[in-house]
Amino acid sequence: MDWEPLQKRRFARLEELQAFKAKEGHVQVPRTNQYEPGMKTWLYHQQRCFREGKLSKDKIQALRDVGVTLKMTQRVSWDARLMELIEFKRIHGHCNVPATWRHNKELGSWVGTQRKYKRTGKLSDERISALTSVGFEWEPKKALSR
């Protein structure tokens, strides 16, 4: 059991991140990081705490000083993306959002991800049904060749 004082442990990960940056030249910690196991999870937790307003100003500044980007944005829910797709279809008459659509690149990426998840069996039947019901084309290139 580690009995180090809590305050000292709180900034231990920050020091580990500084060492990681010194060695690697960046703070984009890979998920499978043998250098400092658990660092990616800790970093994700810091970003979530920032969005929830749970980080002190000192810790925010310390993370930013190391080079961590802290953003207020959160992931958009699947249902919210579906609503964006429905609005796209209302305007354009189809659900084939270009992957690099300049008005909403995230929606274009999301559409491609849904197709990939269906192909690999990672998309639930409920989501497949929801997308199909709004006219989603699972294989748009085949539809164009007909």
C-alpha atoms as a PDB file:
ATOM      1  CA  MET A   1       0.000   0.000   0.000  1.00  0.00           C
ATOM      2  CA  ASP A   2       1.280   3.456  -0.953  1.00  0.00           C
ATOM      3  CA  TRP A   3       1.058   5.793   2.034  1.00  0.00           C
ATOM      4  CA  GLU A   4       2.588   8.846   0.364  1.00  0.00           C
ATOM      5  CA  PRO A   5       0.818  12.062   1.279  1.00  0.00           C
ATOM      6  CA  LEU A   6      -2.091  12.716  -1.079  1.00  0.00           C
ATOM      7  CA  GLN A   7      -0.801  16.106  -2.244  1.00  0.00           C
ATOM      8  CA  LYS A   8       2.514  14.602  -3.348  1.00  0.00           C
ATOM      9  CA  ARG A   9       0.764  11.797  -5.253  1.00  0.00           C
ATOM     10  CA  ARG A  10      -1.572  14.258  -7.000  1.00  0.00           C
ATOM     11  CA  PHE A  11       1.303  15.827  -8.894  1.00  0.00           C
ATOM     12  CA  ALA A  12       3.296  12.616  -9.406  1.00  0.00           C
ATOM     13  CA  ARG A  13       1.442  11.864 -12.654  1.00  0.00           C
ATOM     14  CA  LEU A  14       2.099  15.399 -13.846  1.00  0.00           C
ATOM     15  CA  GLU A  15       5.804  14.832 -13.283  1.00  0.00           C
ATOM     16  CA  GLU A  16       5.548  11.524 -15.159  1.00  0.00           C
ATOM     17  CA  LEU A  17       3.850  13.362 -18.036  1.00  0.00           C
ATOM     18  CA  GLN A  18       6.651  15.949 -18.066  1.00  0.00           C
ATOM     19  CA  ALA A  19       9.198  13.119 -18.264  1.00  0.00           C
ATOM     20  CA  PHE A  20       7.196  11.472 -21.068  1.00  0.00           C
ATOM     21  CA  LYS A  21       7.190  14.748 -23.009  1.00  0.00           C
ATOM     22  CA  ALA A  22      10.922  15.207 -22.451  1.00  0.00           C
ATOM     23  CA  LYS A  23      11.578  11.728 -23.862  1.00  0.00           C
ATOM     24  CA  GLU A  24       8.970  11.643 -26.675  1.00  0.00           C
ATOM     25  CA  GLY A  25       8.648  15.332 -27.553  1.00  0.00           C
ATOM     26  CA  HIS A  26       4.846  15.379 -27.181  1.00  0.00           C
ATOM     27  CA  VAL A  27       2.024  14.577 -24.733  1.00  0.00           C
ATOM     28  CA  GLN A  28      -0.024  12.313 -27.033  1.00  0.00           C
ATOM     29  CA  VAL A  29       0.279   9.310 -24.749  1.00  0.00           C
ATOM     30  CA  PRO A  30      -0.545   6.035 -26.530  1.00  0.00           C
ATOM     31  CA  ARG A  31      -3.105   3.704 -24.978  1.00  0.00           C
ATOM     32  CA  THR A  32      -0.494   0.955 -24.624  1.00  0.00           C
ATOM     33  CA  ASN A  33       2.258   2.960 -23.001  1.00  0.00           C
ATOM     34  CA  GLN A  34       4.911   0.813 -21.352  1.00  0.00           C
ATOM     35  CA  TYR A  35       6.789   3.944 -20.257  1.00  0.00           C
ATOM     36  CA  GLU A  36       4.126   4.984 -17.720  1.00  0.00           C
ATOM     37  CA  PRO A  37       1.241   2.494 -17.392  1.00  0.00           C
ATOM     38  CA  GLY A  38      -2.073   4.193 -16.637  1.00  0.00           C
ATOM     39  CA  MET A  39      -0.947   7.572 -18.000  1.00  0.00           C
ATOM     40  CA  LYS A  40      -3.539   7.631 -20.809  1.00  0.00           C
ATOM     41  CA  THR A  41      -6.352   6.918 -18.328  1.00  0.00           C
ATOM     42  CA  TRP A  42      -5.076   9.605 -15.970  1.00  0.00           C
ATOM     43  CA  LEU A  43      -4.855  12.134 -18.804  1.00  0.00           C
ATOM     44  CA  TYR A  44      -8.388  11.324 -19.956  1.00  0.00           C
ATOM     45  CA  HIS A  45      -9.593  11.773 -16.368  1.00  0.00           C
ATOM     46  CA  GLN A  46      -7.925  15.214 -16.173  1.00  0.00           C
ATOM     47  CA  GLN A  47      -9.649  16.297 -19.378  1.00  0.00           C
ATOM     48  CA  ARG A  48     -13.017  15.055 -18.109  1.00  0.00           C
ATOM     49  CA  CYS A  49     -12.535  16.834 -14.771  1.00  0.00           C
ATOM     50  CA  PHE A  50     -11.705  20.026 -16.682  1.00  0.00           C
ATOM     51  CA  ARG A  51     -14.967  19.811 -18.663  1.00  0.00           C
ATOM     52  CA  GLU A  52     -16.854  19.265 -15.404  1.00  0.00           C
ATOM     53  CA  GLY A  53     -15.146  22.246 -13.734  1.00  0.00           C
ATOM     54  CA  LYS A  54     -13.409  20.063 -11.140  1.00  0.00           C
ATOM     55  CA  LEU A  55      -9.773  21.075 -11.724  1.00  0.00           C
ATOM     56  CA  SER A  56      -8.036  23.810  -9.751  1.00  0.00           C
ATOM     57  CA  LYS A  57      -6.619  26.780 -11.630  1.00  0.00           C
ATOM     58  CA  ASP A  58      -3.128  25.651 -10.618  1.00  0.00           C
ATOM     59  CA  LYS A  59      -3.615  22.181 -12.078  1.00  0.00           C
ATOM     60  CA  ILE A  60      -5.151  23.599 -15.277  1.00  0.00           C
ATOM     61  CA  GLN A  61      -2.138  25.857 -15.710  1.00  0.00           C
ATOM     62  CA  ALA A  62       0.311  23.046 -14.910  1.00  0.00           C
ATOM     63  CA  LEU A  63      -1.319  20.764 -17.509  1.00  0.00           C
ATOM     64  CA  ARG A  64      -1.321  23.508 -20.120  1.00  0.00           C
ATOM     65  CA  ASP A  65       2.318  24.340 -19.332  1.00  0.00           C
ATOM     66  CA  VAL A  66       3.249  20.747 -20.191  1.00  0.00           C
ATOM     67  CA  GLY A  67       1.301  21.002 -23.456  1.00  0.00           C
ATOM     68  CA  VAL A  68      -2.012  19.300 -22.659  1.00  0.00           C
ATOM     69  CA  THR A  69      -4.923  20.710 -24.643  1.00  0.00           C
ATOM     70  CA  LEU A  70      -7.950  21.143 -22.407  1.00  0.00           C
ATOM     71  CA  LYS A  71     -11.238  21.699 -24.235  1.00  0.00           C
ATOM     72  CA  MET A  72     -14.780  22.247 -23.060  1.00  0.00           C
ATOM     73  CA  THR A  73     -16.209  20.206 -25.922  1.00  0.00           C
ATOM     74  CA  GLN A  74     -17.614  16.804 -25.239  1.00  0.00           C
ATOM     75  CA  ARG A  75     -18.438  13.984 -27.562  1.00  0.00           C
ATOM     76  CA  VAL A  76     -21.724  14.429 -29.320  1.00  0.00           C
ATOM     77  CA  SER A  77     -24.177  11.648 -28.537  1.00  0.00           C
ATOM     78  CA  TRP A  78     -25.158   9.095 -31.145  1.00  0.00           C
ATOM     79  CA  ASP A  79     -28.750  10.392 -31.071  1.00  0.00           C
ATOM     80  CA  ALA A  80     -27.570  13.956 -31.681  1.00  0.00           C
ATOM     81  CA  ARG A  81     -25.600  12.815 -34.741  1.00  0.00           C
ATOM     82  CA  LEU A  82     -28.678  10.956 -35.990  1.00  0.00           C
ATOM     83  CA  MET A  83     -30.660  14.215 -35.721  1.00  0.00           C
ATOM     84  CA  GLU A  84     -27.921  16.004 -37.700  1.00  0.00           C
ATOM     85  CA  LEU A  85     -28.166  13.274 -40.352  1.00  0.00           C
ATOM     86  CA  ILE A  86     -31.955  13.664 -40.553  1.00  0.00           C
ATOM     87  CA  GLU A  87     -31.513  17.424 -41.021  1.00  0.00           C
ATOM     88  CA  PHE A  88     -28.878  16.786 -43.719  1.00  0.00           C
ATOM     89  CA  LYS A  89     -31.338  14.498 -45.530  1.00  0.00           C
ATOM     90  CA  ARG A  90     -34.130  17.076 -45.255  1.00  0.00           C
ATOM     91  CA  ILE A  91     -31.920  19.624 -46.997  1.00  0.00           C
ATOM     92  CA  HIS A  92     -30.059  17.399 -49.501  1.00  0.00           C
ATOM     93  CA  GLY A  93     -32.527  14.569 -50.115  1.00  0.00           C
ATOM     94  CA  HIS A  94     -30.116  11.769 -49.172  1.00  0.00           C
ATOM     95  CA  CYS A  95     -27.980  10.505 -46.272  1.00  0.00           C
ATOM     96  CA  ASN A  96     -24.654  10.252 -48.109  1.00  0.00           C
ATOM     97  CA  VAL A  97     -22.711  12.881 -46.197  1.00  0.00           C
ATOM     98  CA  PRO A  98     -19.258  13.314 -47.758  1.00  0.00           C
ATOM     99  CA  ALA A  99     -16.475  12.247 -45.383  1.00  0.00           C
ATOM    100  CA  THR A 100     -14.885  15.687 -45.708  1.00  0.00           C
ATOM    101  CA  TRP A 101     -18.056  17.779 -45.907  1.00  0.00           C
ATOM    102  CA  ARG A 102     -16.827  21.259 -44.998  1.00  0.00           C
ATOM    103  CA  HIS A 103     -19.994  22.247 -43.168  1.00  0.00           C
ATOM    104  CA  ASN A 104     -19.812  19.361 -40.685  1.00  0.00           C
ATOM    105  CA  LYS A 105     -16.745  17.135 -41.012  1.00  0.00           C
ATOM    106  CA  GLU A 106     -17.699  15.308 -37.818  1.00  0.00           C
ATOM    107  CA  LEU A 107     -21.014  14.192 -39.330  1.00  0.00           C
ATOM    108  CA  GLY A 108     -19.243  12.927 -42.463  1.00  0.00           C
ATOM    109  CA  SER A 109     -16.820  10.972 -40.319  1.00  0.00           C
ATOM    110  CA  TRP A 110     -19.661   9.624 -38.148  1.00  0.00           C
ATOM    111  CA  VAL A 111     -21.543   8.346 -41.220  1.00  0.00           C
ATOM    112  CA  GLY A 112     -18.452   6.451 -42.375  1.00  0.00           C
ATOM    113  CA  THR A 113     -17.962   5.035 -38.896  1.00  0.00           C
ATOM    114  CA  GLN A 114     -21.543   3.714 -38.810  1.00  0.00           C
ATOM    115  CA  ARG A 115     -20.938   1.852 -42.079  1.00  0.00           C
ATOM    116  CA  LYS A 116     -17.693   0.412 -40.769  1.00  0.00           C
ATOM    117  CA  TYR A 117     -19.289  -0.653 -37.460  1.00  0.00           C
ATOM    118  CA  LYS A 118     -22.103  -2.430 -39.326  1.00  0.00           C
ATOM    119  CA  ARG A 119     -19.624  -4.260 -41.577  1.00  0.00           C
ATOM    120  CA  THR A 120     -17.609  -5.408 -38.564  1.00  0.00           C
ATOM    121  CA  GLY A 121     -20.665  -6.369 -36.486  1.00  0.00           C
ATOM    122  CA  LYS A 122     -20.142  -3.610 -33.916  1.00  0.00           C
ATOM    123  CA  LEU A 123     -23.377  -1.705 -34.595  1.00  0.00           C
ATOM    124  CA  SER A 124     -26.442  -2.737 -32.626  1.00  0.00           C
ATOM    125  CA  ASP A 125     -29.613  -3.898 -34.371  1.00  0.00           C
ATOM    126  CA  GLU A 126     -31.425  -0.924 -32.821  1.00  0.00           C
ATOM    127  CA  ARG A 127     -29.015   1.551 -34.425  1.00  0.00           C
ATOM    128  CA  ILE A 128     -29.063  -0.277 -37.759  1.00  0.00           C
ATOM    129  CA  SER A 129     -32.849  -0.072 -37.716  1.00  0.00           C
ATOM    130  CA  ALA A 130     -32.836   3.631 -36.805  1.00  0.00           C
ATOM    131  CA  LEU A 131     -30.438   4.477 -39.625  1.00  0.00           C
ATOM    132  CA  THR A 132     -32.241   2.293 -42.158  1.00  0.00           C
ATOM    133  CA  SER A 133     -35.574   3.906 -41.252  1.00  0.00           C
ATOM    134  CA  VAL A 134     -34.282   7.361 -42.256  1.00  0.00           C
ATOM    135  CA  GLY A 135     -33.005   6.102 -45.613  1.00  0.00           C
ATOM    136  CA  PHE A 136     -29.366   5.472 -44.748  1.00  0.00           C
ATOM    137  CA  GLU A 137     -27.507   3.758 -47.597  1.00  0.00           C
ATOM    138  CA  TRP A 138     -25.155   1.151 -46.202  1.00  0.00           C
ATOM    139  CA  GLU A 139     -23.234   0.755 -49.467  1.00  0.00           C
ATOM    140  CA  PRO A 140     -23.572   4.085 -51.313  1.00  0.00           C
ATOM    141  CA  LYS A 141     -21.004   3.242 -54.024  1.00  0.00           C
ATOM    142  CA  LYS A 142     -23.032   0.190 -55.075  1.00  0.00           C
ATOM    143  CA  ALA A 143     -26.204   2.320 -55.129  1.00  0.00           C
ATOM    144  CA  LEU A 144     -24.525   4.811 -57.480  1.00  0.00           C
ATOM    145  CA  SER A 145     -23.458   2.080 -59.923  1.00  0.00           C
ATOM    146  CA  ARG A 146     -27.020   0.797 -60.402  1.00  0.00           C
END
